[in-house]
Amino acid sequence: METFEIWSEGYTDNGGRTGAIYFGSVEGKDFKDACKSLCERNVGFSQYFDEEHMTWWGCSLFSNSKDATTATIMRSKYEEHN
């Protein structure tokens, strides 16, 4: 088993916006398994976790803050222009 950090890109909702979101560190055989393990101990995460698309509330999941933050910035730039 390996320990994975679980991060989501930030999102924009009704004019509000968040930065990358950290859910915690969880063990798993791979990142997907770690996300499924997080579902067992975090009801809020499990309610919006989409295992097929590896998203939380429609936002991509990442195993590190750098990638989650980069995705958040890219999403914000896209939304500003559309």
N, C-alpha and C. Protein backbone atom coordinates (compact mmCIF):
# COMPACT_ATOMS: atom_id res chain seq x y z
N MET A 1 0.84 -1.19 0.00
CA MET A 1 0.00 0.00 0.00
C MET A 1 0.89 1.25 0.00
N GLU A 2 0.40 2.24 -0.68
CA GLU A 2 1.09 3.52 -0.77
C GLU A 2 0.17 4.61 -0.21
N THR A 3 0.75 5.67 0.29
CA THR A 3 -0.05 6.80 0.80
C THR A 3 -0.15 7.85 -0.29
N PHE A 4 -1.39 8.29 -0.54
CA PHE A 4 -1.67 9.30 -1.56
C PHE A 4 -2.34 10.50 -0.91
N GLU A 5 -1.93 11.70 -1.32
CA GLU A 5 -2.68 12.89 -0.98
C GLU A 5 -3.83 12.98 -1.97
N ILE A 6 -4.98 13.45 -1.52
CA ILE A 6 -6.12 13.60 -2.41
C ILE A 6 -6.52 15.08 -2.45
N TRP A 7 -6.45 15.64 -3.64
CA TRP A 7 -6.74 17.04 -3.91
C TRP A 7 -7.77 17.14 -5.03
N SER A 8 -8.58 18.17 -4.98
CA SER A 8 -9.49 18.49 -6.07
C SER A 8 -9.14 19.87 -6.59
N GLU A 9 -9.33 20.04 -7.89
CA GLU A 9 -9.21 21.40 -8.42
C GLU A 9 -10.30 22.25 -7.79
N GLY A 10 -10.10 23.54 -7.73
CA GLY A 10 -11.11 24.44 -7.19
C GLY A 10 -12.26 24.61 -8.16
N TYR A 11 -13.28 25.29 -7.73
CA TYR A 11 -14.46 25.47 -8.57
C TYR A 11 -15.06 26.85 -8.38
N THR A 12 -15.89 27.23 -9.34
CA THR A 12 -16.64 28.48 -9.28
C THR A 12 -18.11 28.11 -9.16
N ASP A 13 -18.81 28.76 -8.22
CA ASP A 13 -20.21 28.43 -7.99
C ASP A 13 -20.96 29.69 -7.59
N ASN A 14 -21.90 30.11 -8.40
CA ASN A 14 -22.72 31.29 -8.10
C ASN A 14 -21.89 32.51 -7.72
N GLY A 15 -20.82 32.72 -8.46
CA GLY A 15 -19.99 33.89 -8.22
C GLY A 15 -18.89 33.69 -7.20
N GLY A 16 -18.97 32.64 -6.38
CA GLY A 16 -17.90 32.34 -5.44
C GLY A 16 -16.89 31.42 -6.10
N ARG A 17 -15.70 31.37 -5.54
CA ARG A 17 -14.70 30.46 -6.11
C ARG A 17 -13.76 29.99 -5.01
N THR A 18 -13.21 28.82 -5.21
CA THR A 18 -12.27 28.25 -4.24
C THR A 18 -10.95 27.96 -4.92
N GLY A 19 -9.93 27.81 -4.12
CA GLY A 19 -8.66 27.30 -4.61
C GLY A 19 -8.72 25.78 -4.58
N ALA A 20 -7.60 25.15 -4.82
CA ALA A 20 -7.53 23.69 -4.76
C ALA A 20 -7.96 23.24 -3.36
N ILE A 21 -8.59 22.08 -3.28
CA ILE A 21 -9.13 21.56 -2.02
C ILE A 21 -8.39 20.30 -1.63
N TYR A 22 -7.89 20.28 -0.40
CA TYR A 22 -7.16 19.12 0.14
C TYR A 22 -8.11 18.29 1.00
N PHE A 23 -8.22 17.00 0.68
CA PHE A 23 -9.09 16.10 1.44
C PHE A 23 -8.34 15.27 2.47
N GLY A 24 -7.05 15.08 2.27
CA GLY A 24 -6.28 14.30 3.22
C GLY A 24 -5.37 13.30 2.54
N SER A 25 -4.64 12.56 3.36
CA SER A 25 -3.75 11.51 2.89
C SER A 25 -4.38 10.17 3.22
N VAL A 26 -4.40 9.27 2.24
CA VAL A 26 -5.07 7.98 2.39
C VAL A 26 -4.22 6.91 1.73
N GLU A 27 -4.21 5.72 2.34
CA GLU A 27 -3.49 4.60 1.74
C GLU A 27 -4.36 3.89 0.72
N GLY A 28 -3.70 3.37 -0.30
CA GLY A 28 -4.38 2.58 -1.31
C GLY A 28 -3.37 1.89 -2.20
N LYS A 29 -3.84 0.91 -2.96
CA LYS A 29 -2.93 0.22 -3.88
C LYS A 29 -2.60 1.11 -5.08
N ASP A 30 -3.50 2.07 -5.38
CA ASP A 30 -3.28 3.09 -6.40
C ASP A 30 -4.15 4.29 -6.01
N PHE A 31 -4.08 5.34 -6.81
CA PHE A 31 -4.80 6.57 -6.48
C PHE A 31 -6.31 6.34 -6.42
N LYS A 32 -6.84 5.60 -7.36
CA LYS A 32 -8.28 5.32 -7.37
C LYS A 32 -8.69 4.56 -6.11
N ASP A 33 -7.91 3.60 -5.71
CA ASP A 33 -8.20 2.83 -4.50
C ASP A 33 -8.16 3.73 -3.26
N ALA A 34 -7.21 4.67 -3.24
CA ALA A 34 -7.12 5.62 -2.12
C ALA A 34 -8.37 6.50 -2.07
N CYS A 35 -8.87 6.92 -3.22
CA CYS A 35 -10.09 7.74 -3.26
C CYS A 35 -11.28 6.93 -2.74
N LYS A 36 -11.36 5.67 -3.12
CA LYS A 36 -12.45 4.82 -2.63
C LYS A 36 -12.34 4.62 -1.12
N SER A 37 -11.12 4.52 -0.60
CA SER A 37 -10.93 4.40 0.84
C SER A 37 -11.35 5.67 1.56
N LEU A 38 -11.08 6.82 0.95
CA LEU A 38 -11.51 8.09 1.55
C LEU A 38 -13.03 8.14 1.66
N CYS A 39 -13.72 7.56 0.70
CA CYS A 39 -15.20 7.53 0.73
C CYS A 39 -15.71 6.83 1.99
N GLU A 40 -14.98 5.83 2.46
CA GLU A 40 -15.39 5.07 3.64
C GLU A 40 -15.33 5.89 4.92
N ARG A 41 -14.49 6.91 4.93
CA ARG A 41 -14.32 7.69 6.17
C ARG A 41 -14.75 9.14 6.06
N ASN A 42 -15.16 9.58 4.85
CA ASN A 42 -15.55 10.96 4.66
C ASN A 42 -16.85 11.00 3.85
N VAL A 43 -17.97 11.14 4.55
CA VAL A 43 -19.28 11.11 3.91
C VAL A 43 -19.42 12.24 2.89
N GLY A 44 -18.92 13.42 3.22
CA GLY A 44 -19.00 14.55 2.29
C GLY A 44 -18.28 14.26 0.98
N PHE A 45 -17.15 13.60 1.07
CA PHE A 45 -16.42 13.24 -0.15
C PHE A 45 -17.19 12.17 -0.92
N SER A 46 -17.69 11.18 -0.21
CA SER A 46 -18.35 10.04 -0.88
C SER A 46 -19.63 10.46 -1.61
N GLN A 47 -20.32 11.47 -1.11
CA GLN A 47 -21.57 11.90 -1.75
C GLN A 47 -21.37 12.44 -3.16
N TYR A 48 -20.21 13.03 -3.42
CA TYR A 48 -19.97 13.68 -4.71
C TYR A 48 -18.83 13.04 -5.51
N PHE A 49 -18.29 11.94 -5.02
CA PHE A 49 -17.20 11.26 -5.72
C PHE A 49 -17.76 10.44 -6.88
N ASP A 50 -17.20 10.63 -8.06
CA ASP A 50 -17.57 9.87 -9.25
C ASP A 50 -16.37 9.00 -9.61
N GLU A 51 -16.47 7.72 -9.25
CA GLU A 51 -15.36 6.79 -9.46
C GLU A 51 -15.04 6.61 -10.94
N GLU A 52 -16.06 6.57 -11.78
CA GLU A 52 -15.83 6.35 -13.21
C GLU A 52 -15.02 7.48 -13.84
N HIS A 53 -15.31 8.72 -13.47
CA HIS A 53 -14.63 9.88 -14.05
C HIS A 53 -13.52 10.43 -13.15
N MET A 54 -13.38 9.85 -11.96
CA MET A 54 -12.38 10.30 -10.97
C MET A 54 -12.49 11.80 -10.73
N THR A 55 -13.73 12.19 -10.36
CA THR A 55 -14.00 13.58 -10.04
C THR A 55 -14.72 13.67 -8.71
N TRP A 56 -14.70 14.85 -8.12
CA TRP A 56 -15.49 15.17 -6.93
C TRP A 56 -16.28 16.43 -7.28
N TRP A 57 -17.59 16.30 -7.23
CA TRP A 57 -18.50 17.41 -7.56
C TRP A 57 -18.18 17.96 -8.95
N GLY A 58 -17.78 17.08 -9.85
CA GLY A 58 -17.46 17.46 -11.23
C GLY A 58 -16.06 18.01 -11.42
N CYS A 59 -15.28 18.09 -10.35
CA CYS A 59 -13.92 18.63 -10.44
C CYS A 59 -12.90 17.49 -10.44
N SER A 60 -11.87 17.63 -11.24
CA SER A 60 -10.84 16.60 -11.34
C SER A 60 -10.09 16.42 -10.02
N LEU A 61 -9.69 15.18 -9.78
CA LEU A 61 -8.93 14.84 -8.57
C LEU A 61 -7.46 14.64 -8.92
N PHE A 62 -6.60 14.97 -7.96
CA PHE A 62 -5.15 14.91 -8.17
C PHE A 62 -4.48 14.37 -6.91
N SER A 63 -3.26 13.88 -7.08
CA SER A 63 -2.51 13.33 -5.95
C SER A 63 -1.49 14.33 -5.41
N ASN A 64 -1.55 15.58 -5.87
CA ASN A 64 -0.63 16.59 -5.35
C ASN A 64 -1.21 17.98 -5.54
N SER A 65 -0.74 18.91 -4.72
CA SER A 65 -1.28 20.27 -4.73
C SER A 65 -0.91 21.03 -6.00
N LYS A 66 0.28 20.79 -6.53
CA LYS A 66 0.71 21.52 -7.72
C LYS A 66 -0.23 21.28 -8.90
N ASP A 67 -0.56 20.03 -9.17
CA ASP A 67 -1.45 19.73 -10.29
C ASP A 67 -2.86 20.26 -10.05
N ALA A 68 -3.34 20.15 -8.81
CA ALA A 68 -4.68 20.65 -8.48
C ALA A 68 -4.74 22.17 -8.62
N THR A 69 -3.70 22.85 -8.19
CA THR A 69 -3.65 24.31 -8.29
C THR A 69 -3.55 24.75 -9.75
N THR A 70 -2.73 24.06 -10.53
CA THR A 70 -2.60 24.38 -11.95
C THR A 70 -3.94 24.21 -12.66
N ALA A 71 -4.64 23.12 -12.37
CA ALA A 71 -5.96 22.88 -12.98
C ALA A 71 -6.95 23.97 -12.57
N THR A 72 -6.87 24.42 -11.33
CA THR A 72 -7.76 25.48 -10.84
C THR A 72 -7.51 26.77 -11.61
N ILE A 73 -6.26 27.11 -11.81
CA ILE A 73 -5.91 28.33 -12.55
C ILE A 73 -6.38 28.23 -14.00
N MET A 74 -6.16 27.08 -14.61
CA MET A 74 -6.58 26.90 -16.00
C MET A 74 -8.11 26.98 -16.12
N ARG A 75 -8.83 26.39 -15.17
CA ARG A 75 -10.29 26.44 -15.21
C ARG A 75 -10.77 27.88 -15.06
N SER A 76 -10.16 28.64 -14.15
CA SER A 76 -10.54 30.04 -13.95
C SER A 76 -10.32 30.86 -15.22
N LYS A 77 -9.19 30.65 -15.88
CA LYS A 77 -8.90 31.40 -17.11
C LYS A 77 -9.91 31.03 -18.20
N TYR A 78 -10.26 29.77 -18.28
CA TYR A 78 -11.25 29.32 -19.28
C TYR A 78 -12.60 29.97 -19.00
N GLU A 79 -13.02 29.94 -17.73
CA GLU A 79 -14.34 30.48 -17.38
C GLU A 79 -14.40 31.99 -17.58
N GLU A 80 -13.29 32.68 -17.41
CA GLU A 80 -13.26 34.14 -17.62
C GLU A 80 -13.51 34.49 -19.09
N HIS A 81 -13.10 33.61 -19.99
CA HIS A 81 -13.20 33.89 -21.42
C HIS A 81 -14.44 33.27 -22.05
N ASN A 82 -15.25 32.57 -21.28
CA ASN A 82 -16.45 31.93 -21.84
C ASN A 82 -17.70 32.33 -21.10
